[in-house]
Amino acid sequence: MFSRKNLPHEPLPLPDRFALSDDEMRARVEAFFEHMKKRHSVRDFSPRPVPRAVIETAVATAGRAPSGANHQPWFFAAISDPALKARIRAEAEEEEKRFYDGAAGDEWLKALEPLGTDAAKPHLEIAPWLIVIFAQRWGAFDDGTRFKNYYVPESVGIATGFLIAALHQAGLACLTHTPNPMRFLNGVLGRPASEKPVMILAVGHPADHATVPAVAKLKKPLDEILAVHEGAPARAD
């Protein structure tokens, strides 16, 4: 994507512009909020297939996220192959067993108790798709020399949020899974050493018997997550 040649700054007119009234803005953001309130992480998936085109469009949406220096330091591997999903599950569960057998520490395990999780991760096989998200710690010019990526965790985190929102918009559920370490994913998926796997998203339709832990419905109220420092409104001349 990038070349060693100088790329001059070339300002373009804003290609997409929305001119909404205050009422329209409020209606749109409230509708989006109500839609996102219906997003839930689930661990019980239906084997019902999900079209590849839906996954591709969701990932394309993630690729529109802002990033440090516009380097877009992310890569997404989408997996539906049953044998590959089974291998990822087996490798992930090995890491999870070590985690739950003491590597996590008592405080962390206590924090997880209300979620009802354990080392078994059948959703990694049952969900029709797994999307592995990689962070690209550095890139390479067209002549093979490296260049540094900037604000990589922040950029990948924003892109992941775009992806989860897009999947929810498609009526799908997902579950974030972060086995640590996850280096096995590079080998399984043939990704280079410059990429660090940061998350597995299990994606699909929730099973008919799907549940969510009650604690997951407890969200901080707005006054605990927002402070507004508002100045005097500007006067119209």
C-alpha atoms as a PDB file:
ATOM      1  CA  MET A   1       0.000   0.000   0.000  1.00  0.00           C
ATOM      2  CA  PHE A   2       2.822   2.399   0.816  1.00  0.00           C
ATOM      3  CA  SER A   3       5.862   3.402  -1.183  1.00  0.00           C
ATOM      4  CA  ARG A   4       9.169   4.913  -0.132  1.00  0.00           C
ATOM      5  CA  LYS A   5       8.575   7.827  -2.457  1.00  0.00           C
ATOM      6  CA  ASN A   6       7.375  11.057  -0.913  1.00  0.00           C
ATOM      7  CA  LEU A   7       3.602  11.304  -0.714  1.00  0.00           C
ATOM      8  CA  PRO A   8       2.661  15.004  -0.722  1.00  0.00           C
ATOM      9  CA  HIS A   9      -0.247  16.354   1.262  1.00  0.00           C
ATOM     10  CA  GLU A  10      -3.167  16.756  -1.130  1.00  0.00           C
ATOM     11  CA  PRO A  11      -6.297  18.204   0.481  1.00  0.00           C
ATOM     12  CA  LEU A  12      -9.548  17.076  -1.129  1.00  0.00           C
ATOM     13  CA  PRO A  13     -13.016  18.529  -0.621  1.00  0.00           C
ATOM     14  CA  LEU A  14     -14.926  16.550   1.999  1.00  0.00           C
ATOM     15  CA  PRO A  15     -16.504  13.847  -0.188  1.00  0.00           C
ATOM     16  CA  ASP A  16     -19.388  12.932   2.127  1.00  0.00           C
ATOM     17  CA  ARG A  17     -21.264  15.473   4.177  1.00  0.00           C
ATOM     18  CA  PHE A  18     -24.415  15.173   6.277  1.00  0.00           C
ATOM     19  CA  ALA A  19     -26.482  18.288   6.856  1.00  0.00           C
ATOM     20  CA  LEU A  20     -28.910  17.278   9.611  1.00  0.00           C
ATOM     21  CA  SER A  21     -31.038  19.418  11.841  1.00  0.00           C
ATOM     22  CA  ASP A  22     -30.623  19.186  15.608  1.00  0.00           C
ATOM     23  CA  ASP A  23     -33.798  17.103  15.809  1.00  0.00           C
ATOM     24  CA  GLU A  24     -32.577  14.748  13.081  1.00  0.00           C
ATOM     25  CA  MET A  25     -29.215  14.340  14.814  1.00  0.00           C
ATOM     26  CA  ARG A  26     -30.897  13.526  18.095  1.00  0.00           C
ATOM     27  CA  ALA A  27     -33.300  11.058  16.480  1.00  0.00           C
ATOM     28  CA  ARG A  28     -30.506   9.255  14.650  1.00  0.00           C
ATOM     29  CA  VAL A  29     -28.164   8.937  17.600  1.00  0.00           C
ATOM     30  CA  GLU A  30     -30.986   7.803  19.876  1.00  0.00           C
ATOM     31  CA  ALA A  31     -32.067   5.179  17.353  1.00  0.00           C
ATOM     32  CA  PHE A  32     -28.493   3.918  17.110  1.00  0.00           C
ATOM     33  CA  PHE A  33     -28.235   3.808  20.902  1.00  0.00           C
ATOM     34  CA  GLU A  34     -31.432   1.766  21.146  1.00  0.00           C
ATOM     35  CA  HIS A  35     -30.098  -0.613  18.498  1.00  0.00           C
ATOM     36  CA  MET A  36     -26.728  -1.047  20.242  1.00  0.00           C
ATOM     37  CA  LYS A  37     -28.501  -1.664  23.570  1.00  0.00           C
ATOM     38  CA  LYS A  38     -29.669  -4.917  21.997  1.00  0.00           C
ATOM     39  CA  ARG A  39     -26.083  -6.090  21.431  1.00  0.00           C
ATOM     40  CA  HIS A  40     -25.103  -8.961  23.719  1.00  0.00           C
ATOM     41  CA  SER A  41     -22.083 -11.211  23.902  1.00  0.00           C
ATOM     42  CA  VAL A  42     -23.227 -14.832  23.716  1.00  0.00           C
ATOM     43  CA  ARG A  43     -21.479 -18.149  24.232  1.00  0.00           C
ATOM     44  CA  ASP A  44     -24.219 -20.308  22.724  1.00  0.00           C
ATOM     45  CA  PHE A  45     -24.245 -20.212  18.932  1.00  0.00           C
ATOM     46  CA  SER A  46     -26.444 -21.772  16.296  1.00  0.00           C
ATOM     47  CA  PRO A  47     -24.652 -23.724  13.543  1.00  0.00           C
ATOM     48  CA  ARG A  48     -26.816 -21.847  11.010  1.00  0.00           C
ATOM     49  CA  PRO A  49     -24.480 -20.699   8.203  1.00  0.00           C
ATOM     50  CA  VAL A  50     -23.695 -17.029   7.672  1.00  0.00           C
ATOM     51  CA  PRO A  51     -22.970 -15.886   4.099  1.00  0.00           C
ATOM     52  CA  ARG A  52     -19.350 -15.020   3.415  1.00  0.00           C
ATOM     53  CA  ALA A  53     -20.464 -11.735   1.846  1.00  0.00           C
ATOM     54  CA  VAL A  54     -21.850 -10.576   5.200  1.00  0.00           C
ATOM     55  CA  ILE A  55     -18.510 -11.213   6.914  1.00  0.00           C
ATOM     56  CA  GLU A  56     -16.601  -9.507   4.111  1.00  0.00           C
ATOM     57  CA  THR A  57     -18.754  -6.389   4.286  1.00  0.00           C
ATOM     58  CA  ALA A  58     -18.432  -6.226   8.074  1.00  0.00           C
ATOM     59  CA  VAL A  59     -14.636  -6.443   7.781  1.00  0.00           C
ATOM     60  CA  ALA A  60     -14.677  -3.818   5.028  1.00  0.00           C
ATOM     61  CA  THR A  61     -16.545  -1.594   7.489  1.00  0.00           C
ATOM     62  CA  ALA A  62     -13.818  -2.198  10.080  1.00  0.00           C
ATOM     63  CA  GLY A  63     -11.285  -1.168   7.466  1.00  0.00           C
ATOM     64  CA  ARG A  64     -12.854   2.297   7.324  1.00  0.00           C
ATOM     65  CA  ALA A  65     -11.803   3.071  10.897  1.00  0.00           C
ATOM     66  CA  PRO A  66      -9.387   5.927  11.582  1.00  0.00           C
ATOM     67  CA  SER A  67      -5.793   4.951  12.345  1.00  0.00           C
ATOM     68  CA  GLY A  68      -2.449   6.465  13.265  1.00  0.00           C
ATOM     69  CA  ALA A  69      -0.916   8.120  10.179  1.00  0.00           C
ATOM     70  CA  ASN A  70      -3.564   6.229   8.157  1.00  0.00           C
ATOM     71  CA  HIS A  71      -1.331   3.129   8.257  1.00  0.00           C
ATOM     72  CA  GLN A  72      -4.343   0.879   8.972  1.00  0.00           C
ATOM     73  CA  PRO A  73      -2.283  -1.535  11.106  1.00  0.00           C
ATOM     74  CA  TRP A  74      -4.734  -4.422  11.153  1.00  0.00           C
ATOM     75  CA  PHE A  75      -5.412  -7.716   9.462  1.00  0.00           C
ATOM     76  CA  PHE A  76      -8.481  -9.939   9.755  1.00  0.00           C
ATOM     77  CA  ALA A  77      -8.509 -13.685   9.148  1.00  0.00           C
ATOM     78  CA  ALA A  78     -12.024 -15.098   8.720  1.00  0.00           C
ATOM     79  CA  ILE A  79     -12.334 -18.846   9.231  1.00  0.00           C
ATOM     80  CA  SER A  80     -15.269 -21.125   8.513  1.00  0.00           C
ATOM     81  CA  ASP A  81     -13.299 -24.325   7.802  1.00  0.00           C
ATOM     82  CA  PRO A  82     -14.403 -26.856  10.469  1.00  0.00           C
ATOM     83  CA  ALA A  83     -10.986 -28.520  10.769  1.00  0.00           C
ATOM     84  CA  LEU A  84      -9.254 -25.187  11.252  1.00  0.00           C
ATOM     85  CA  LYS A  85     -11.807 -24.057  13.823  1.00  0.00           C
ATOM     86  CA  ALA A  86     -11.327 -27.330  15.712  1.00  0.00           C
ATOM     87  CA  ARG A  87      -7.569 -26.793  15.748  1.00  0.00           C
ATOM     88  CA  ILE A  88      -7.938 -23.231  17.012  1.00  0.00           C
ATOM     89  CA  ARG A  89     -10.295 -24.422  19.736  1.00  0.00           C
ATOM     90  CA  ALA A  90      -7.877 -27.131  20.862  1.00  0.00           C
ATOM     91  CA  GLU A  91      -4.949 -24.710  21.001  1.00  0.00           C
ATOM     92  CA  ALA A  92      -6.986 -22.013  22.736  1.00  0.00           C
ATOM     93  CA  GLU A  93      -8.296 -24.441  25.356  1.00  0.00           C
ATOM     94  CA  GLU A  94      -4.755 -25.484  26.232  1.00  0.00           C
ATOM     95  CA  GLU A  95      -3.976 -21.864  27.056  1.00  0.00           C
ATOM     96  CA  GLU A  96      -7.265 -21.474  28.900  1.00  0.00           C
ATOM     97  CA  LYS A  97      -6.585 -24.534  31.072  1.00  0.00           C
ATOM     98  CA  ARG A  98      -3.340 -22.972  32.243  1.00  0.00           C
ATOM     99  CA  PHE A  99      -5.198 -19.721  32.880  1.00  0.00           C
ATOM    100  CA  TYR A 100      -7.917 -21.316  35.024  1.00  0.00           C
ATOM    101  CA  ASP A 101      -5.467 -23.657  36.759  1.00  0.00           C
ATOM    102  CA  GLY A 102      -3.758 -20.747  38.445  1.00  0.00           C
ATOM    103  CA  ALA A 103      -1.970 -18.574  35.904  1.00  0.00           C
ATOM    104  CA  ALA A 104      -4.697 -15.942  36.184  1.00  0.00           C
ATOM    105  CA  GLY A 105      -4.485 -15.439  39.935  1.00  0.00           C
ATOM    106  CA  ASP A 106      -7.318 -15.548  42.464  1.00  0.00           C
ATOM    107  CA  GLU A 107      -8.459 -11.953  41.984  1.00  0.00           C
ATOM    108  CA  TRP A 108      -8.924 -12.313  38.235  1.00  0.00           C
ATOM    109  CA  LEU A 109     -10.745 -15.628  38.551  1.00  0.00           C
ATOM    110  CA  LYS A 110     -13.013 -14.127  41.213  1.00  0.00           C
ATOM    111  CA  ALA A 111     -13.867 -11.289  38.826  1.00  0.00           C
ATOM    112  CA  LEU A 112     -14.860 -13.829  36.152  1.00  0.00           C
ATOM    113  CA  GLU A 113     -17.157 -15.897  38.385  1.00  0.00           C
ATOM    114  CA  PRO A 114     -20.342 -13.881  37.628  1.00  0.00           C
ATOM    115  CA  LEU A 115     -19.787 -14.533  33.924  1.00  0.00           C
ATOM    116  CA  GLY A 116     -19.793 -18.312  34.352  1.00  0.00           C
ATOM    117  CA  THR A 117     -16.786 -18.909  32.128  1.00  0.00           C
ATOM    118  CA  ASP A 118     -14.329 -21.802  32.229  1.00  0.00           C
ATOM    119  CA  ALA A 119     -11.639 -23.383  30.067  1.00  0.00           C
ATOM    120  CA  ALA A 120     -14.114 -25.067  27.695  1.00  0.00           C
ATOM    121  CA  LYS A 121     -14.657 -23.038  24.518  1.00  0.00           C
ATOM    122  CA  PRO A 122     -17.070 -25.042  22.320  1.00  0.00           C
ATOM    123  CA  HIS A 123     -18.249 -21.834  20.649  1.00  0.00           C
ATOM    124  CA  LEU A 124     -14.950 -21.705  18.772  1.00  0.00           C
ATOM    125  CA  GLU A 125     -16.168 -24.726  16.798  1.00  0.00           C
ATOM    126  CA  ILE A 126     -19.923 -24.190  16.782  1.00  0.00           C
ATOM    127  CA  ALA A 127     -19.984 -20.559  15.623  1.00  0.00           C
ATOM    128  CA  PRO A 128     -20.001 -20.577  11.804  1.00  0.00           C
ATOM    129  CA  TRP A 129     -17.201 -18.007  11.633  1.00  0.00           C
ATOM    130  CA  LEU A 130     -14.159 -17.048  13.639  1.00  0.00           C
ATOM    131  CA  ILE A 131     -12.528 -13.722  12.875  1.00  0.00           C
ATOM    132  CA  VAL A 132      -8.975 -13.426  14.182  1.00  0.00           C
ATOM    133  CA  ILE A 133      -7.822  -9.832  14.532  1.00  0.00           C
ATOM    134  CA  PHE A 134      -4.121  -9.127  14.125  1.00  0.00           C
ATOM    135  CA  ALA A 135      -2.275  -5.918  15.009  1.00  0.00           C
ATOM    136  CA  GLN A 136       0.519  -5.065  12.581  1.00  0.00           C
ATOM    137  CA  ARG A 137       3.408  -3.772  14.672  1.00  0.00           C
ATOM    138  CA  TRP A 138       5.288  -2.662  11.580  1.00  0.00           C
ATOM    139  CA  GLY A 139       4.731  -2.600   7.855  1.00  0.00           C
ATOM    140  CA  ALA A 140       6.932  -2.930   4.810  1.00  0.00           C
ATOM    141  CA  PHE A 141       7.506  -0.664   1.842  1.00  0.00           C
ATOM    142  CA  ASP A 142       7.235  -2.052  -1.669  1.00  0.00           C
ATOM    143  CA  ASP A 143      10.987  -2.692  -1.617  1.00  0.00           C
ATOM    144  CA  GLY A 144      10.688  -4.794   1.542  1.00  0.00           C
ATOM    145  CA  THR A 145      12.162  -2.351   4.077  1.00  0.00           C
ATOM    146  CA  ARG A 146      10.203  -1.771   7.276  1.00  0.00           C
ATOM    147  CA  PHE A 147       8.291   1.267   8.391  1.00  0.00           C
ATOM    148  CA  LYS A 148       6.855   1.938  11.826  1.00  0.00           C
ATOM    149  CA  ASN A 149       3.130   1.873  12.543  1.00  0.00           C
ATOM    150  CA  TYR A 150       1.759   4.372  15.046  1.00  0.00           C
ATOM    151  CA  TYR A 151      -0.893   4.078  17.750  1.00  0.00           C
ATOM    152  CA  VAL A 152      -1.371   0.433  16.867  1.00  0.00           C
ATOM    153  CA  PRO A 153      -3.443  -0.730  19.907  1.00  0.00           C
ATOM    154  CA  GLU A 154      -5.678   2.321  19.674  1.00  0.00           C
ATOM    155  CA  SER A 155      -6.185   1.935  15.921  1.00  0.00           C
ATOM    156  CA  VAL A 156      -6.943  -1.780  16.106  1.00  0.00           C
ATOM    157  CA  GLY A 157      -9.303  -1.215  19.031  1.00  0.00           C
ATOM    158  CA  ILE A 158     -11.302   1.346  17.041  1.00  0.00           C
ATOM    159  CA  ALA A 159     -11.453  -0.973  14.015  1.00  0.00           C
ATOM    160  CA  THR A 160     -12.642  -3.822  16.225  1.00  0.00           C
ATOM    161  CA  GLY A 161     -15.441  -1.615  17.540  1.00  0.00           C
ATOM    162  CA  PHE A 162     -16.485  -0.842  13.962  1.00  0.00           C
ATOM    163  CA  LEU A 163     -16.475  -4.579  13.203  1.00  0.00           C
ATOM    164  CA  ILE A 164     -18.590  -5.541  16.216  1.00  0.00           C
ATOM    165  CA  ALA A 165     -21.111  -2.793  15.421  1.00  0.00           C
ATOM    166  CA  ALA A 166     -21.315  -3.928  11.780  1.00  0.00           C
ATOM    167  CA  LEU A 167     -21.902  -7.541  12.812  1.00  0.00           C
ATOM    168  CA  HIS A 168     -24.655  -6.442  15.187  1.00  0.00           C
ATOM    169  CA  GLN A 169     -26.193  -4.380  12.388  1.00  0.00           C
ATOM    170  CA  ALA A 170     -26.362  -7.612  10.361  1.00  0.00           C
ATOM    171  CA  GLY A 171     -28.306  -9.302  13.149  1.00  0.00           C
ATOM    172  CA  LEU A 172     -25.367 -11.429  14.276  1.00  0.00           C
ATOM    173  CA  ALA A 173     -23.953 -12.057  17.713  1.00  0.00           C
ATOM    174  CA  CYS A 174     -20.295 -12.343  18.577  1.00  0.00           C
ATOM    175  CA  LEU A 175     -18.052 -13.164  21.492  1.00  0.00           C
ATOM    176  CA  THR A 176     -14.641 -11.649  22.107  1.00  0.00           C
ATOM    177  CA  HIS A 177     -12.022 -14.220  23.068  1.00  0.00           C
ATOM    178  CA  THR A 178      -8.474 -13.301  24.058  1.00  0.00           C
ATOM    179  CA  PRO A 179      -6.384 -16.356  24.971  1.00  0.00           C
ATOM    180  CA  ASN A 180      -2.938 -15.279  26.076  1.00  0.00           C
ATOM    181  CA  PRO A 181      -0.469 -16.007  24.627  1.00  0.00           C
ATOM    182  CA  MET A 182      -1.976 -16.391  21.165  1.00  0.00           C
ATOM    183  CA  ARG A 183       1.187 -16.774  19.108  1.00  0.00           C
ATOM    184  CA  PHE A 184      -0.066 -20.158  17.905  1.00  0.00           C
ATOM    185  CA  LEU A 185      -2.485 -18.264  15.660  1.00  0.00           C
ATOM    186  CA  ASN A 186       0.358 -16.921  13.525  1.00  0.00           C
ATOM    187  CA  GLY A 187       1.458 -20.440  12.699  1.00  0.00           C
ATOM    188  CA  VAL A 188      -2.047 -21.813  12.234  1.00  0.00           C
ATOM    189  CA  LEU A 189      -3.051 -18.979   9.898  1.00  0.00           C
ATOM    190  CA  GLY A 190       0.291 -18.345   8.194  1.00  0.00           C
ATOM    191  CA  ARG A 191       0.654 -14.761   9.390  1.00  0.00           C
ATOM    192  CA  PRO A 192       4.042 -12.999   9.617  1.00  0.00           C
ATOM    193  CA  ALA A 193       5.980 -12.170  12.780  1.00  0.00           C
ATOM    194  CA  SER A 194       5.124  -8.486  12.340  1.00  0.00           C
ATOM    195  CA  GLU A 195       1.520  -9.254  13.273  1.00  0.00           C
ATOM    196  CA  LYS A 196       0.330  -9.858  16.818  1.00  0.00           C
ATOM    197  CA  PRO A 197      -2.975 -11.708  17.299  1.00  0.00           C
ATOM    198  CA  VAL A 198      -5.066  -9.731  19.756  1.00  0.00           C
ATOM    199  CA  MET A 199      -8.523 -11.248  19.596  1.00  0.00           C
ATOM    200  CA  ILE A 200     -10.723 -14.002  18.249  1.00  0.00           C
ATOM    201  CA  LEU A 201     -14.317 -13.072  17.485  1.00  0.00           C
ATOM    202  CA  ALA A 202     -16.731 -15.986  17.352  1.00  0.00           C
ATOM    203  CA  VAL A 203     -19.531 -14.855  15.025  1.00  0.00           C
ATOM    204  CA  GLY A 204     -22.926 -16.243  14.177  1.00  0.00           C
ATOM    205  CA  HIS A 205     -26.575 -16.420  15.105  1.00  0.00           C
ATOM    206  CA  PRO A 206     -27.332 -17.050  18.770  1.00  0.00           C
ATOM    207  CA  ALA A 207     -28.708 -20.489  19.605  1.00  0.00           C
ATOM    208  CA  ASP A 208     -32.348 -20.766  20.633  1.00  0.00           C
ATOM    209  CA  HIS A 209     -31.193 -21.640  24.163  1.00  0.00           C
ATOM    210  CA  ALA A 210     -28.631 -18.822  24.352  1.00  0.00           C
ATOM    211  CA  THR A 211     -28.344 -17.003  27.658  1.00  0.00           C
ATOM    212  CA  VAL A 212     -26.421 -14.027  28.979  1.00  0.00           C
ATOM    213  CA  PRO A 213     -25.164 -13.671  32.556  1.00  0.00           C
ATOM    214  CA  ALA A 214     -27.316 -11.316  34.610  1.00  0.00           C
ATOM    215  CA  VAL A 215     -24.269  -9.235  35.505  1.00  0.00           C
ATOM    216  CA  ALA A 216     -23.787  -8.413  31.808  1.00  0.00           C
ATOM    217  CA  LYS A 217     -26.955  -6.306  31.947  1.00  0.00           C
ATOM    218  CA  LEU A 218     -25.436  -4.052  34.590  1.00  0.00           C
ATOM    219  CA  LYS A 219     -24.051  -1.055  32.747  1.00  0.00           C
ATOM    220  CA  LYS A 220     -22.624   2.076  34.305  1.00  0.00           C
ATOM    221  CA  PRO A 221     -25.048   5.014  34.126  1.00  0.00           C
ATOM    222  CA  LEU A 222     -24.146   7.978  31.977  1.00  0.00           C
ATOM    223  CA  ASP A 223     -23.117  10.140  34.921  1.00  0.00           C
ATOM    224  CA  GLU A 224     -20.413   7.593  35.787  1.00  0.00           C
ATOM    225  CA  ILE A 225     -18.861   7.535  32.323  1.00  0.00           C
ATOM    226  CA  LEU A 226     -19.281  11.129  31.180  1.00  0.00           C
ATOM    227  CA  ALA A 227     -18.212  14.541  32.423  1.00  0.00           C
ATOM    228  CA  VAL A 228     -19.382  17.514  30.373  1.00  0.00           C
ATOM    229  CA  HIS A 229     -17.345  20.724  30.450  1.00  0.00           C
ATOM    230  CA  GLU A 230     -19.656  23.028  28.560  1.00  0.00           C
ATOM    231  CA  GLY A 231     -18.917  26.654  27.835  1.00  0.00           C
ATOM    232  CA  ALA A 232     -21.358  29.425  27.207  1.00  0.00           C
ATOM    233  CA  PRO A 233     -23.158  29.038  23.851  1.00  0.00           C
ATOM    234  CA  ALA A 234     -21.787  31.138  21.040  1.00  0.00           C
ATOM    235  CA  ARG A 235     -23.807  34.220  20.177  1.00  0.00           C
ATOM    236  CA  ALA A 236     -25.058  34.676  16.653  1.00  0.00           C
ATOM    237  CA  ASP A 237     -23.961  38.012  15.196  1.00  0.00           C
END
